[in-house]
C-alpha atoms as a PDB file:
ATOM      1  CA  MET A   1      57.964  26.032 132.372  1.00  0.00           C
ATOM      2  CA  SER A   2      54.845  27.698 131.023  1.00  0.00           C
ATOM      3  CA  THR A   3      52.661  26.530 128.188  1.00  0.00           C
ATOM      4  CA  ARG A   4      50.415  28.646 126.039  1.00  0.00           C
ATOM      5  CA  SER A   5      47.263  27.425 124.443  1.00  0.00           C
ATOM      6  CA  SER A   6      46.513  28.501 120.910  1.00  0.00           C
ATOM      7  CA  ALA A   7      42.864  27.620 121.315  1.00  0.00           C
ATOM      8  CA  ALA A   8      40.507  30.601 121.384  1.00  0.00           C
ATOM      9  CA  PRO A   9      38.538  31.020 124.568  1.00  0.00           C
ATOM     10  CA  THR A  10      35.037  29.674 124.332  1.00  0.00           C
ATOM     11  CA  SER A  11      32.054  31.814 125.088  1.00  0.00           C
ATOM     12  CA  SER A  12      28.344  31.310 125.003  1.00  0.00           C
ATOM     13  CA  ALA A  13      27.786  34.917 123.916  1.00  0.00           C
ATOM     14  CA  PRO A  14      26.726  35.337 120.298  1.00  0.00           C
ATOM     15  CA  PRO A  15      29.097  37.217 117.996  1.00  0.00           C
ATOM     16  CA  SER A  16      28.332  40.912 117.783  1.00  0.00           C
ATOM     17  CA  VAL A  17      26.142  41.866 114.875  1.00  0.00           C
ATOM     18  CA  GLN A  18      26.673  45.264 113.345  1.00  0.00           C
ATOM     19  CA  SER A  19      23.897  46.920 111.393  1.00  0.00           C
ATOM     20  CA  ALA A  20      24.597  47.883 107.806  1.00  0.00           C
ATOM     21  CA  LEU A  21      22.558  51.050 108.362  1.00  0.00           C
ATOM     22  CA  PRO A  22      23.685  54.069 110.343  1.00  0.00           C
ATOM     23  CA  PRO A  23      22.110  54.631 113.746  1.00  0.00           C
ATOM     24  CA  HIS A  24      18.649  56.214 113.644  1.00  0.00           C
ATOM     25  CA  GLY A  25      18.953  59.984 113.617  1.00  0.00           C
ATOM     26  CA  GLU A  26      22.577  59.976 112.414  1.00  0.00           C
ATOM     27  CA  GLY A  27      21.722  62.810 110.053  1.00  0.00           C
ATOM     28  CA  ALA A  28      23.423  63.582 106.755  1.00  0.00           C
ATOM     29  CA  ALA A  29      26.603  61.867 107.987  1.00  0.00           C
ATOM     30  CA  GLY A  30      24.880  58.497 107.629  1.00  0.00           C
ATOM     31  CA  ASP A  31      23.598  59.061 104.092  1.00  0.00           C
ATOM     32  CA  ARG A  32      26.693  57.685 102.369  1.00  0.00           C
ATOM     33  CA  PHE A  33      26.232  54.364 104.202  1.00  0.00           C
ATOM     34  CA  ILE A  34      22.637  54.179 103.060  1.00  0.00           C
ATOM     35  CA  GLN A  35      23.689  54.930  99.471  1.00  0.00           C
ATOM     36  CA  HIS A  36      26.424  52.291  99.618  1.00  0.00           C
ATOM     37  CA  ASN A  37      24.036  49.650 100.957  1.00  0.00           C
ATOM     38  CA  LEU A  38      21.404  50.456  98.364  1.00  0.00           C
ATOM     39  CA  GLU A  39      23.948  50.136  95.541  1.00  0.00           C
ATOM     40  CA  ALA A  40      25.358  46.896  96.982  1.00  0.00           C
ATOM     41  CA  ALA A  41      21.896  45.358  97.325  1.00  0.00           C
ATOM     42  CA  TRP A  42      20.921  46.145  93.734  1.00  0.00           C
ATOM     43  CA  PRO A  43      23.843  46.471  91.276  1.00  0.00           C
ATOM     44  CA  ALA A  44      23.547  48.945  88.401  1.00  0.00           C
ATOM     45  CA  ASP A  45      21.873  47.595  85.268  1.00  0.00           C
ATOM     46  CA  LEU A  46      21.120  50.703  83.197  1.00  0.00           C
ATOM     47  CA  PRO A  47      23.337  52.742  80.896  1.00  0.00           C
ATOM     48  CA  ALA A  48      24.935  55.594  82.876  1.00  0.00           C
ATOM     49  CA  VAL A  49      23.131  58.290  80.873  1.00  0.00           C
ATOM     50  CA  ASP A  50      19.727  56.707  81.553  1.00  0.00           C
ATOM     51  CA  GLU A  51      20.552  56.299  85.226  1.00  0.00           C
ATOM     52  CA  ARG A  52      21.562  59.970  85.491  1.00  0.00           C
ATOM     53  CA  VAL A  53      18.372  61.171  83.773  1.00  0.00           C
ATOM     54  CA  LEU A  54      16.166  58.909  85.874  1.00  0.00           C
ATOM     55  CA  LEU A  55      17.822  59.923  89.142  1.00  0.00           C
ATOM     56  CA  GLY A  56      17.279  63.594  88.360  1.00  0.00           C
ATOM     57  CA  ALA A  57      13.640  62.985  87.493  1.00  0.00           C
ATOM     58  CA  GLY A  58      13.048  60.728  90.498  1.00  0.00           C
ATOM     59  CA  ARG A  59      14.539  63.270  92.908  1.00  0.00           C
ATOM     60  CA  ALA A  60      12.438  66.077  91.389  1.00  0.00           C
ATOM     61  CA  LEU A  61       9.281  63.954  91.595  1.00  0.00           C
ATOM     62  CA  LEU A  62       9.887  63.065  95.227  1.00  0.00           C
ATOM     63  CA  ARG A  63      10.561  66.702  96.139  1.00  0.00           C
ATOM     64  CA  ALA A  64       7.359  67.751  94.338  1.00  0.00           C
ATOM     65  CA  ASP A  65       5.357  65.014  96.042  1.00  0.00           C
ATOM     66  CA  ALA A  66       6.660  65.645  99.560  1.00  0.00           C
ATOM     67  CA  THR A  67       6.951  69.431  99.570  1.00  0.00           C
ATOM     68  CA  GLY A  68       4.457  70.461  96.867  1.00  0.00           C
ATOM     69  CA  ILE A  69       7.164  72.430  95.052  1.00  0.00           C
ATOM     70  CA  GLY A  70       7.415  71.741  91.315  1.00  0.00           C
ATOM     71  CA  ARG A  71       4.255  69.716  90.847  1.00  0.00           C
ATOM     72  CA  THR A  72       3.295  71.671  87.730  1.00  0.00           C
ATOM     73  CA  ALA A  73       6.281  70.159  85.909  1.00  0.00           C
ATOM     74  CA  TRP A  74       4.664  66.723  86.257  1.00  0.00           C
ATOM     75  CA  PRO A  75       0.992  67.084  85.143  1.00  0.00           C
ATOM     76  CA  GLN A  76       0.724  63.372  84.268  1.00  0.00           C
ATOM     77  CA  VAL A  77       1.625  62.493  87.876  1.00  0.00           C
ATOM     78  CA  PHE A  78       0.033  65.465  89.686  1.00  0.00           C
ATOM     79  CA  PRO A  79      -3.009  66.482  87.607  1.00  0.00           C
ATOM     80  CA  PRO A  80      -4.132  70.060  88.204  1.00  0.00           C
ATOM     81  CA  THR A  81      -7.001  70.157  90.682  1.00  0.00           C
ATOM     82  CA  GLY A  82      -7.589  73.906  90.857  1.00  0.00           C
ATOM     83  CA  GLN A  83      -6.923  73.749  94.599  1.00  0.00           C
ATOM     84  CA  ALA A  84      -3.827  74.733  96.532  1.00  0.00           C
ATOM     85  CA  VAL A  85      -1.680  71.826  97.727  1.00  0.00           C
ATOM     86  CA  THR A  86      -0.667  71.807 101.358  1.00  0.00           C
ATOM     87  CA  PRO A  87       2.807  70.282 101.534  1.00  0.00           C
ATOM     88  CA  ALA A  88       3.114  67.206 103.708  1.00  0.00           C
ATOM     89  CA  PHE A  89       6.761  67.939 104.554  1.00  0.00           C
ATOM     90  CA  ALA A  90       8.671  71.088 105.335  1.00  0.00           C
ATOM     91  CA  THR A  91      11.042  72.046 102.531  1.00  0.00           C
ATOM     92  CA  ALA A  92      13.839  72.983 104.946  1.00  0.00           C
ATOM     93  CA  SER A  93      13.904  69.560 106.598  1.00  0.00           C
ATOM     94  CA  PHE A  94      13.384  67.432 103.483  1.00  0.00           C
ATOM     95  CA  ARG A  95      16.492  65.462 102.460  1.00  0.00           C
ATOM     96  CA  ILE A  96      17.088  62.618 100.011  1.00  0.00           C
ATOM     97  CA  GLN A  97      19.409  60.202 101.782  1.00  0.00           C
ATOM     98  CA  ALA A  98      20.100  57.822  98.882  1.00  0.00           C
ATOM     99  CA  ALA A  99      18.813  57.029  95.401  1.00  0.00           C
ATOM    100  CA  ILE A 100      19.311  54.452  92.660  1.00  0.00           C
ATOM    101  CA  ALA A 101      17.703  53.912  89.253  1.00  0.00           C
ATOM    102  CA  ARG A 102      17.359  50.358  87.980  1.00  0.00           C
ATOM    103  CA  ARG A 103      15.720  48.466  85.148  1.00  0.00           C
ATOM    104  CA  GLY A 104      12.068  47.654  85.687  1.00  0.00           C
ATOM    105  CA  THR A 105      10.140  44.556  84.724  1.00  0.00           C
ATOM    106  CA  SER A 106      10.845  45.098  81.007  1.00  0.00           C
ATOM    107  CA  PRO A 107      13.606  46.787  78.978  1.00  0.00           C
ATOM    108  CA  ASP A 108      11.419  49.868  78.502  1.00  0.00           C
ATOM    109  CA  THR A 109      10.658  50.398  82.173  1.00  0.00           C
ATOM    110  CA  ALA A 110      12.702  51.624  85.092  1.00  0.00           C
ATOM    111  CA  VAL A 111      12.227  52.318  88.774  1.00  0.00           C
ATOM    112  CA  VAL A 112      13.917  54.946  90.907  1.00  0.00           C
ATOM    113  CA  HIS A 113      14.280  53.914  94.548  1.00  0.00           C
ATOM    114  CA  LEU A 114      14.724  56.808  96.965  1.00  0.00           C
ATOM    115  CA  VAL A 115      15.422  56.789 100.692  1.00  0.00           C
ATOM    116  CA  TRP A 116      14.648  60.096 102.344  1.00  0.00           C
ATOM    117  CA  ALA A 117      14.060  62.016 105.558  1.00  0.00           C
ATOM    118  CA  GLY A 118      11.817  64.880 106.538  1.00  0.00           C
ATOM    119  CA  THR A 119       9.740  66.626 109.160  1.00  0.00           C
ATOM    120  CA  ASP A 120       6.003  66.392 108.560  1.00  0.00           C
ATOM    121  CA  ARG A 121       3.395  69.117 109.230  1.00  0.00           C
ATOM    122  CA  GLY A 122       2.948  67.803 112.750  1.00  0.00           C
ATOM    123  CA  GLY A 123       6.653  68.293 113.508  1.00  0.00           C
ATOM    124  CA  ALA A 124       7.608  64.603 113.540  1.00  0.00           C
ATOM    125  CA  PHE A 125      10.964  63.845 111.924  1.00  0.00           C
ATOM    126  CA  THR A 126      11.383  60.469 110.244  1.00  0.00           C
ATOM    127  CA  ASP A 127      14.332  59.162 108.277  1.00  0.00           C
ATOM    128  CA  LEU A 128      14.787  56.050 106.146  1.00  0.00           C
ATOM    129  CA  ARG A 129      11.472  56.600 104.341  1.00  0.00           C
ATOM    130  CA  VAL A 130      11.305  54.726 101.020  1.00  0.00           C
ATOM    131  CA  THR A 131       9.595  55.850  97.816  1.00  0.00           C
ATOM    132  CA  ASP A 132       9.631  54.239  94.368  1.00  0.00           C
ATOM    133  CA  TRP A 133       8.849  56.084  91.134  1.00  0.00           C
ATOM    134  CA  HIS A 134       8.219  54.083  87.963  1.00  0.00           C
ATOM    135  CA  PHE A 135       9.108  55.269  84.464  1.00  0.00           C
ATOM    136  CA  THR A 136       8.427  54.099  80.911  1.00  0.00           C
ATOM    137  CA  ARG A 137      10.798  54.724  78.006  1.00  0.00           C
ATOM    138  CA  THR A 138       9.179  56.366  75.010  1.00  0.00           C
ATOM    139  CA  SER A 139      10.743  57.177  71.664  1.00  0.00           C
ATOM    140  CA  ALA A 140      10.901  60.828  70.800  1.00  0.00           C
ATOM    141  CA  LYS A 141      11.665  62.422  67.447  1.00  0.00           C
ATOM    142  CA  LYS A 142      15.019  61.654  65.848  1.00  0.00           C
ATOM    143  CA  GLY A 143      15.305  58.338  67.705  1.00  0.00           C
ATOM    144  CA  ALA A 144      16.058  59.847  71.113  1.00  0.00           C
ATOM    145  CA  ALA A 145      14.452  58.059  73.997  1.00  0.00           C
ATOM    146  CA  THR A 146      12.809  59.820  76.909  1.00  0.00           C
ATOM    147  CA  TRP A 147      11.608  58.547  80.242  1.00  0.00           C
ATOM    148  CA  THR A 148       8.032  59.290  81.280  1.00  0.00           C
ATOM    149  CA  ALA A 149       6.990  59.149  84.933  1.00  0.00           C
ATOM    150  CA  GLN A 150       4.024  56.910  85.657  1.00  0.00           C
ATOM    151  CA  PRO A 151       1.244  58.075  87.962  1.00  0.00           C
ATOM    152  CA  ARG A 152       0.810  56.116  91.137  1.00  0.00           C
ATOM    153  CA  THR A 153      -2.001  53.634  90.949  1.00  0.00           C
END
C-alpha cells in the first residue's frame, strides 16, 4: 500500500522573482511592457482629449530636445541662440518606448512622463531613459484651453 503526501516539498530557495520590465536591450518588442507598467503605476487622471494633446506635445518636445529637430516650434523651451545645435542623439536610433500624461500638482498643470532609448554621439546605446515635461493650462480665446510647455529650470 502506498501513501501520497499532499504537503508541498520544502525548499530553502527563495521564490523566483520576475522583473516587471523587459530584459535590457529587448528592443521595440519590450516597449509594450514598459507602457503597461507605466500606466499601471500611475492610473489616468486627465480627460482623454487633454491626455492626447499632452502626449503629442511631450513626444515632440522630447524629439526636439534629443535630436535637435523641431526646436523652433518651442521657442519658450528652446530660446533661439543664433548658434547651430548639435544633436545629442542620432535621429535614426531615437525611440520613445512609453509615455503617459498625468495631472500635475494643481488642476492647471500636467506632466508628461516619457521612457525612451537612443544612441548618443559617442555611439553608446541606452534604453529606459526617463524624461518629464511639465505643462500649464492657459485659457485661449472662446474658452478653449491650451497647454503650454514649461522651460526646464
